[in-house]
């Protein structure tokens, strides 16, 4: 089985898209040890026509990305448009991926609720229809930068208990070629605790690292 991961994060490393992709890969390997993964990272360069041949040979495409304004990062939007144009061209219409390629979405957002990613999955569904691909399912998670800032991430335990269960369901559907309703997760902690932990662990820590204090963070232009 061949699975292509398209990383749509603008971060060079350490982003939640990459972190969640790795957890998903591990869950897939548990179900199917002989699977082959191919990673396509479009942070600096768009895919070229020769890269599209990977879609012809793969069994599933997983598009991992952070939520930007209820949609995709701009460079990922550009890439999706280019793919749509090619697959609707005379040459692209002959592609073996047409009416065969199964697509899954893996989206993370900075909100508490993973449901905020739902609109982006609707967009991917429409994109698949226009390209001639098969939309299968999306997995959206809240939690934002708090996930990546945890010193020791153990998927399926503690704050990531519910997310771990959804990743296992998601991996099962990918391996078995199944579809389903979108899966949504949030961190297993109350909202007030999530807000406090994010402020202290992420934003205040980054502000301190860059020489800012709380008063400066709250400054507003008159």
Protein backbone atom coordinates (compact mmCIF):
# COMPACT_ATOMS: atom_id res chain seq x y z
CA UNK A 1 0.00 0.00 0.00
CA UNK A 2 1.29 3.46 -0.96
CA UNK A 3 0.17 6.60 0.86
CA UNK A 4 1.20 10.14 -0.06
CA UNK A 5 1.24 12.85 2.63
CA UNK A 6 0.96 16.41 1.34
CA UNK A 7 2.14 18.78 4.08
CA UNK A 8 0.52 22.18 3.65
CA UNK A 9 2.09 23.84 6.68
CA UNK A 10 4.19 26.98 6.13
CA UNK A 11 6.50 26.01 9.02
CA UNK A 12 9.90 24.52 8.14
CA UNK A 13 9.71 22.04 11.03
CA UNK A 14 7.94 21.26 14.28
CA UNK A 15 4.45 22.29 13.14
CA UNK A 16 1.34 20.47 14.28
CA UNK A 17 0.72 19.24 10.74
CA UNK A 18 4.00 17.33 10.83
CA UNK A 19 3.45 16.14 14.42
CA UNK A 20 -0.05 14.81 13.72
CA UNK A 21 1.09 13.25 10.45
CA UNK A 22 3.73 11.26 12.33
CA UNK A 23 1.18 10.02 14.85
CA UNK A 24 -1.13 9.03 12.00
CA UNK A 25 1.68 7.17 10.23
CA UNK A 26 2.43 5.19 13.39
CA UNK A 27 -1.25 4.25 13.72
CA UNK A 28 -1.32 3.14 10.07
CA UNK A 29 1.84 1.05 10.45
CA UNK A 30 0.28 -0.79 13.40
CA UNK A 31 -2.53 -1.88 11.10
CA UNK A 32 -0.41 -2.44 7.99
CA UNK A 33 3.35 -2.75 8.62
CA UNK A 34 4.33 -2.95 4.94
CA UNK A 35 2.85 0.42 3.94
CA UNK A 36 5.03 2.88 1.98
CA UNK A 37 4.87 6.61 2.73
CA UNK A 38 5.84 9.50 0.46
CA UNK A 39 6.04 13.04 1.87
CA UNK A 40 5.46 16.06 -0.35
CA UNK A 41 6.26 19.38 1.32
CA UNK A 42 5.15 22.47 -0.58
CA UNK A 43 6.35 25.12 1.87
CA UNK A 44 8.99 26.47 -0.52
CA UNK A 45 8.19 24.96 -3.90
CA UNK A 46 5.01 23.99 -5.71
CA UNK A 47 4.78 20.46 -7.07
CA UNK A 48 5.81 19.95 -10.68
CA UNK A 49 4.08 17.79 -13.25
CA UNK A 50 6.42 14.85 -12.63
CA UNK A 51 5.30 14.82 -8.96
CA UNK A 52 1.71 14.24 -10.05
CA UNK A 53 2.70 10.75 -11.18
CA UNK A 54 2.95 9.84 -7.50
CA UNK A 55 -0.81 10.30 -7.25
CA UNK A 56 -1.31 7.75 -10.04
CA UNK A 57 0.60 5.12 -8.09
CA UNK A 58 -0.72 5.75 -4.58
CA UNK A 59 -3.73 4.28 -2.81
CA UNK A 60 -4.52 7.33 -0.69
CA UNK A 61 -3.61 11.01 -0.40
CA UNK A 62 -3.56 12.65 3.04
CA UNK A 63 -3.54 16.45 2.98
CA UNK A 64 -2.27 17.81 6.33
CA UNK A 65 -2.57 21.53 7.01
CA UNK A 66 -3.29 24.20 9.66
CA UNK A 67 -6.55 26.11 9.53
CA UNK A 68 -6.19 29.67 8.22
CA UNK A 69 -9.36 31.80 8.30
CA UNK A 70 -11.58 28.68 8.15
CA UNK A 71 -9.66 27.60 5.03
CA UNK A 72 -6.12 26.72 3.87
CA UNK A 73 -2.78 28.54 3.94
CA UNK A 74 -2.39 30.58 0.74
CA UNK A 75 0.38 28.42 -0.74
CA UNK A 76 -1.73 25.28 -0.25
CA UNK A 77 -4.68 27.00 -1.94
CA UNK A 78 -2.40 27.83 -4.89
CA UNK A 79 -1.24 24.21 -5.10
CA UNK A 80 -4.80 22.87 -5.02
CA UNK A 81 -5.77 25.24 -7.83
CA UNK A 82 -2.81 24.11 -9.94
CA UNK A 83 -3.74 20.45 -9.38
CA UNK A 84 -7.35 21.11 -10.31
CA UNK A 85 -6.31 22.88 -13.52
CA UNK A 86 -3.96 20.06 -14.51
CA UNK A 87 -6.44 17.27 -13.86
CA UNK A 88 -9.00 19.09 -15.95
CA UNK A 89 -6.54 19.58 -18.82
CA UNK A 90 -6.38 17.15 -21.74
CA UNK A 91 -3.25 15.51 -20.36
CA UNK A 92 -4.51 15.37 -16.79
CA UNK A 93 -7.77 13.74 -17.84
CA UNK A 94 -5.77 10.67 -18.85
CA UNK A 95 -4.28 10.30 -15.37
CA UNK A 96 -4.78 7.00 -13.58
CA UNK A 97 -5.68 8.96 -10.44
CA UNK A 98 -8.95 10.10 -12.00
CA UNK A 99 -11.95 8.43 -10.34
CA UNK A 100 -9.55 6.35 -8.20
CA UNK A 101 -7.48 8.51 -5.86
CA UNK A 102 -8.91 8.52 -2.32
CA UNK A 103 -8.36 11.77 -0.40
CA UNK A 104 -8.32 12.39 3.36
CA UNK A 105 -7.90 15.70 5.18
CA UNK A 106 -5.94 16.18 8.43
CA UNK A 107 -6.47 19.69 9.79
CA UNK A 108 -5.37 21.34 13.03
CA UNK A 109 -6.53 24.67 14.41
CA UNK A 110 -5.74 26.97 17.32
CA UNK A 111 -9.29 26.99 18.62
CA UNK A 112 -10.50 24.87 21.51
CA UNK A 113 -12.98 23.01 19.29
CA UNK A 114 -11.89 20.83 16.39
CA UNK A 115 -15.27 21.42 14.74
CA UNK A 116 -13.95 24.77 13.51
CA UNK A 117 -12.10 22.83 10.77
CA UNK A 118 -15.32 21.47 9.25
CA UNK A 119 -15.72 24.15 6.57
CA UNK A 120 -12.27 23.39 5.16
CA UNK A 121 -13.30 19.76 4.70
CA UNK A 122 -16.34 20.91 2.73
CA UNK A 123 -13.95 22.84 0.48
CA UNK A 124 -11.75 19.78 0.01
CA UNK A 125 -14.81 17.74 -0.86
CA UNK A 126 -15.73 20.18 -3.63
CA UNK A 127 -12.11 20.26 -4.83
CA UNK A 128 -12.06 16.46 -5.06
CA UNK A 129 -15.25 16.51 -7.11
CA UNK A 130 -13.72 19.00 -9.55
CA UNK A 131 -10.46 17.03 -9.86
CA UNK A 132 -12.22 13.69 -10.25
CA UNK A 133 -10.91 12.34 -6.93
CA UNK A 134 -12.81 10.49 -4.21
CA UNK A 135 -13.31 12.38 -0.96
CA UNK A 136 -13.33 9.98 1.97
CA UNK A 137 -13.02 11.71 5.35
CA UNK A 138 -11.50 14.50 7.40
CA UNK A 139 -10.02 14.61 10.90
CA UNK A 140 -9.95 18.01 12.57
CA UNK A 141 -8.43 18.81 15.93
CA UNK A 142 -8.33 21.83 18.19
CA UNK A 143 -5.60 22.61 20.68
CA UNK A 144 -3.29 24.67 18.53
CA UNK A 145 0.26 25.32 19.65
CA UNK A 146 -0.38 23.64 23.00
CA UNK A 147 -0.05 20.21 21.34
CA UNK A 148 3.44 20.90 20.04
CA UNK A 149 4.55 22.57 23.28
CA UNK A 150 3.86 19.53 25.46
CA UNK A 151 7.25 18.27 26.73
CA UNK A 152 6.31 14.61 26.32
CA UNK A 153 3.47 13.88 23.95
CA UNK A 154 1.81 10.50 24.50
CA UNK A 155 -0.97 10.06 21.99
CA UNK A 156 -4.10 8.43 23.39
CA UNK A 157 -3.36 9.45 26.99
CA UNK A 158 -4.03 12.47 29.18
CA UNK A 159 -5.12 15.55 27.20
CA UNK A 160 -4.68 13.59 23.94
CA UNK A 161 -6.93 10.67 24.87
CA UNK A 162 -9.82 11.55 22.54
CA UNK A 163 -7.49 12.61 19.72
CA UNK A 164 -5.70 9.26 19.95
CA UNK A 165 -8.98 7.37 19.53
CA UNK A 166 -9.93 9.45 16.49
CA UNK A 167 -6.50 8.98 14.91
CA UNK A 168 -6.92 5.20 15.31
CA UNK A 169 -10.35 5.34 13.62
CA UNK A 170 -8.97 7.57 10.89
CA UNK A 171 -6.02 5.22 10.26
CA UNK A 172 -8.36 2.23 10.07
CA UNK A 173 -10.46 3.93 7.38
CA UNK A 174 -7.39 4.92 5.37
CA UNK A 175 -5.96 1.39 5.43
CA UNK A 176 -9.28 -0.21 4.56
CA UNK A 177 -10.39 2.32 1.95
CA UNK A 178 -13.43 3.41 3.92
CA UNK A 179 -15.14 6.77 4.22
CA UNK A 180 -17.19 8.40 6.95
CA UNK A 181 -18.36 11.60 8.55
CA UNK A 182 -15.69 14.04 9.66
CA UNK A 183 -14.02 13.31 12.99
CA UNK A 184 -13.42 16.18 15.42
CA UNK A 185 -11.29 16.28 18.56
CA UNK A 186 -10.40 18.72 21.29
CA UNK A 187 -7.94 18.39 24.14
CA UNK A 188 -9.33 16.52 27.14
CA UNK A 189 -9.33 19.49 29.50
CA UNK A 190 -11.83 22.23 30.38
CA UNK A 191 -11.81 25.33 28.20
CA UNK A 192 -10.55 27.59 31.02
CA UNK A 193 -7.64 25.24 31.63
CA UNK A 194 -6.84 25.15 27.90
CA UNK A 195 -6.82 28.96 27.77
CA UNK A 196 -4.62 29.29 30.84
CA UNK A 197 -2.20 26.60 29.67
CA UNK A 198 -1.89 28.11 26.19
CA UNK A 199 -1.27 31.60 27.55
CA UNK A 200 1.43 30.52 30.01
CA UNK A 201 3.07 27.71 28.03
CA UNK A 202 2.97 29.19 24.54
CA UNK A 203 2.31 32.92 24.19
CA UNK A 204 3.85 34.25 27.40
CA UNK A 205 6.86 31.98 26.98
CA UNK A 206 7.41 33.22 23.42
CA UNK A 207 6.96 36.83 24.51
CA UNK A 208 9.58 36.42 27.23
CA UNK A 209 11.94 34.80 24.74
CA UNK A 210 11.61 37.87 22.53
CA UNK A 211 12.02 40.37 25.34
CA UNK A 212 8.36 41.32 25.83
CA UNK A 213 6.41 41.48 29.09
CA UNK A 214 2.66 41.05 29.71
CA UNK A 215 2.02 44.79 29.67
CA UNK A 216 3.61 45.12 26.25
CA UNK A 217 1.60 42.16 24.95
CA UNK A 218 -1.64 43.91 25.92
CA UNK A 219 -0.65 47.26 24.39
CA UNK A 220 -3.15 48.70 21.94
CA UNK A 221 -2.65 51.49 19.43
CA UNK A 222 -4.72 54.54 20.61
